[in-house]
Structure formats: C-alpha cells, structure tokens
Amino acid sequence: MSAASSPCVKICVIDPVSRLCEGCGRTLAEIAQWGRMSEPERLAVMARLAERLKTRG
C-alpha cells in the first residue's frame, strides 16, 4: 500500500489573514479532511497550492 500524497512540509502555522497554512497552503478544512479524501481529490487540491501561496495575503 502506498502512502497518500501530501504537500506538508512540516511548517504548520496558520496565517491569521489568509487562513492558509504557511507551509503548504491548505486551509484548515482541507487539512482536517485530508485523510478522508481520495487520491484524485488530494491531487486536485495540491494542483492549486502553489498559486494559492503566491497570491495569499
């Protein structure tokens, strides 16, 4: 069984303005649901993270 994909970089700090994790860019809801998401759902979220981190603020 392979490990689930994860964008976590072990910098788990939620920005109070953007409400995104400063390390990976996920929302608290996404983090909470991560273990219950299917692999395609996780990959879809991960595809948006780089742009989300660039434009947070």
N, C-alpha and C. Protein backbone atom coordinates (compact mmCIF):
# COMPACT_ATOMS: atom_id res chain seq x y z
N MET A 1 0.84 -1.18 0.00
CA MET A 1 0.00 0.00 0.00
C MET A 1 0.88 1.24 0.00
N SER A 2 0.65 2.16 -0.90
CA SER A 2 1.47 3.35 -1.00
C SER A 2 0.95 4.44 -0.06
N ALA A 3 1.84 5.31 0.32
CA ALA A 3 1.46 6.42 1.20
C ALA A 3 0.64 7.44 0.42
N ALA A 4 -0.26 8.10 1.11
CA ALA A 4 -1.08 9.13 0.49
C ALA A 4 -0.21 10.33 0.16
N SER A 5 -0.51 10.98 -0.94
CA SER A 5 0.20 12.19 -1.31
C SER A 5 -0.09 13.28 -0.29
N SER A 6 0.91 14.09 0.00
CA SER A 6 0.72 15.19 0.94
C SER A 6 1.67 16.33 0.59
N PRO A 7 1.17 17.57 0.68
CA PRO A 7 2.02 18.73 0.43
C PRO A 7 2.71 19.22 1.70
N CYS A 8 2.50 18.55 2.82
CA CYS A 8 3.01 19.01 4.11
C CYS A 8 4.54 19.11 4.08
N VAL A 9 5.04 20.26 4.55
CA VAL A 9 6.49 20.48 4.64
C VAL A 9 6.91 20.71 6.10
N LYS A 10 6.01 20.33 7.03
CA LYS A 10 6.27 20.40 8.48
C LYS A 10 6.46 21.84 8.97
N ILE A 11 5.84 22.79 8.29
CA ILE A 11 5.77 24.19 8.76
C ILE A 11 4.29 24.46 8.95
N CYS A 12 3.76 24.03 10.07
CA CYS A 12 2.31 24.04 10.31
C CYS A 12 1.90 25.27 11.11
N VAL A 13 1.77 26.38 10.41
CA VAL A 13 1.37 27.65 11.01
C VAL A 13 0.27 28.23 10.15
N ILE A 14 -0.88 28.54 10.76
CA ILE A 14 -1.99 29.11 10.01
C ILE A 14 -1.88 30.63 10.03
N ASP A 15 -1.81 31.23 8.86
CA ASP A 15 -1.75 32.68 8.73
C ASP A 15 -3.11 33.24 9.14
N PRO A 16 -3.15 34.21 10.07
CA PRO A 16 -4.44 34.72 10.55
C PRO A 16 -5.21 35.53 9.51
N VAL A 17 -4.53 36.08 8.52
CA VAL A 17 -5.19 36.88 7.49
C VAL A 17 -5.73 35.99 6.38
N SER A 18 -4.85 35.20 5.78
CA SER A 18 -5.27 34.36 4.65
C SER A 18 -5.97 33.09 5.11
N ARG A 19 -5.73 32.69 6.37
CA ARG A 19 -6.27 31.46 6.95
C ARG A 19 -5.76 30.22 6.21
N LEU A 20 -4.56 30.33 5.66
CA LEU A 20 -3.90 29.22 4.99
C LEU A 20 -2.69 28.79 5.79
N CYS A 21 -2.34 27.53 5.68
CA CYS A 21 -1.11 27.05 6.29
C CYS A 21 0.06 27.71 5.56
N GLU A 22 0.98 28.31 6.33
CA GLU A 22 2.12 28.99 5.71
C GLU A 22 3.08 28.02 5.05
N GLY A 23 3.07 26.77 5.45
CA GLY A 23 3.96 25.78 4.86
C GLY A 23 3.44 25.19 3.57
N CYS A 24 2.18 24.74 3.58
CA CYS A 24 1.67 24.01 2.42
C CYS A 24 0.58 24.75 1.64
N GLY A 25 -0.06 25.73 2.26
CA GLY A 25 -1.09 26.48 1.55
C GLY A 25 -2.50 25.93 1.68
N ARG A 26 -2.66 24.85 2.44
CA ARG A 26 -4.00 24.30 2.60
C ARG A 26 -4.80 25.08 3.64
N THR A 27 -6.12 25.00 3.53
CA THR A 27 -7.00 25.58 4.54
C THR A 27 -7.12 24.59 5.70
N LEU A 28 -7.64 25.06 6.82
CA LEU A 28 -7.86 24.16 7.95
C LEU A 28 -8.84 23.05 7.57
N ALA A 29 -9.86 23.38 6.80
CA ALA A 29 -10.83 22.37 6.36
C ALA A 29 -10.16 21.30 5.50
N GLU A 30 -9.29 21.72 4.59
CA GLU A 30 -8.58 20.76 3.74
C GLU A 30 -7.67 19.86 4.58
N ILE A 31 -6.98 20.45 5.56
CA ILE A 31 -6.10 19.68 6.42
C ILE A 31 -6.93 18.65 7.20
N ALA A 32 -8.06 19.09 7.75
CA ALA A 32 -8.91 18.19 8.54
C ALA A 32 -9.47 17.05 7.70
N GLN A 33 -9.80 17.31 6.45
CA GLN A 33 -10.41 16.31 5.58
C GLN A 33 -9.39 15.44 4.84
N TRP A 34 -8.12 15.79 4.90
CA TRP A 34 -7.09 15.17 4.06
C TRP A 34 -7.11 13.64 4.12
N GLY A 35 -7.21 13.09 5.30
CA GLY A 35 -7.18 11.64 5.45
C GLY A 35 -8.41 10.94 4.87
N ARG A 36 -9.49 11.68 4.70
CA ARG A 36 -10.71 11.11 4.15
C ARG A 36 -10.87 11.37 2.66
N MET A 37 -9.98 12.19 2.10
CA MET A 37 -10.06 12.50 0.66
C MET A 37 -9.51 11.33 -0.15
N SER A 38 -10.04 11.19 -1.35
CA SER A 38 -9.47 10.21 -2.28
C SER A 38 -8.17 10.79 -2.84
N GLU A 39 -7.36 9.94 -3.42
CA GLU A 39 -6.11 10.40 -4.02
C GLU A 39 -6.38 11.45 -5.11
N PRO A 40 -7.36 11.25 -6.00
CA PRO A 40 -7.64 12.30 -7.00
C PRO A 40 -8.06 13.63 -6.36
N GLU A 41 -8.79 13.58 -5.26
CA GLU A 41 -9.17 14.82 -4.57
C GLU A 41 -7.94 15.51 -3.99
N ARG A 42 -7.04 14.74 -3.40
CA ARG A 42 -5.81 15.33 -2.85
C ARG A 42 -4.97 15.94 -3.96
N LEU A 43 -4.84 15.24 -5.07
CA LEU A 43 -4.05 15.78 -6.18
C LEU A 43 -4.66 17.06 -6.73
N ALA A 44 -5.98 17.15 -6.76
CA ALA A 44 -6.65 18.37 -7.24
C ALA A 44 -6.36 19.54 -6.31
N VAL A 45 -6.39 19.31 -5.01
CA VAL A 45 -6.06 20.38 -4.05
C VAL A 45 -4.59 20.78 -4.23
N MET A 46 -3.70 19.80 -4.32
CA MET A 46 -2.28 20.08 -4.45
C MET A 46 -1.96 20.87 -5.72
N ALA A 47 -2.73 20.68 -6.76
CA ALA A 47 -2.51 21.41 -8.01
C ALA A 47 -2.78 22.90 -7.85
N ARG A 48 -3.57 23.27 -6.86
CA ARG A 48 -3.90 24.69 -6.65
C ARG A 48 -3.00 25.39 -5.63
N LEU A 49 -2.20 24.65 -4.90
CA LEU A 49 -1.48 25.22 -3.77
C LEU A 49 -0.40 26.23 -4.13
N ALA A 50 0.38 25.99 -5.14
CA ALA A 50 1.45 26.92 -5.49
C ALA A 50 0.88 28.31 -5.82
N GLU A 51 -0.15 28.35 -6.62
CA GLU A 51 -0.78 29.63 -6.98
C GLU A 51 -1.40 30.27 -5.75
N ARG A 52 -2.03 29.47 -4.90
CA ARG A 52 -2.66 29.97 -3.69
C ARG A 52 -1.62 30.63 -2.78
N LEU A 53 -0.45 30.00 -2.62
CA LEU A 53 0.59 30.56 -1.77
C LEU A 53 1.16 31.84 -2.35
N LYS A 54 1.24 31.94 -3.67
CA LYS A 54 1.74 33.16 -4.31
C LYS A 54 0.81 34.34 -4.10
N THR A 55 -0.49 34.10 -4.07
CA THR A 55 -1.46 35.19 -4.04
C THR A 55 -2.08 35.41 -2.67
N ARG A 56 -1.64 34.68 -1.65
CA ARG A 56 -2.25 34.85 -0.32
C ARG A 56 -1.94 36.24 0.21
N GLY A 57 -2.77 36.63 1.15
CA GLY A 57 -2.39 37.90 1.69
C GLY A 57 -3.40 38.62 2.39
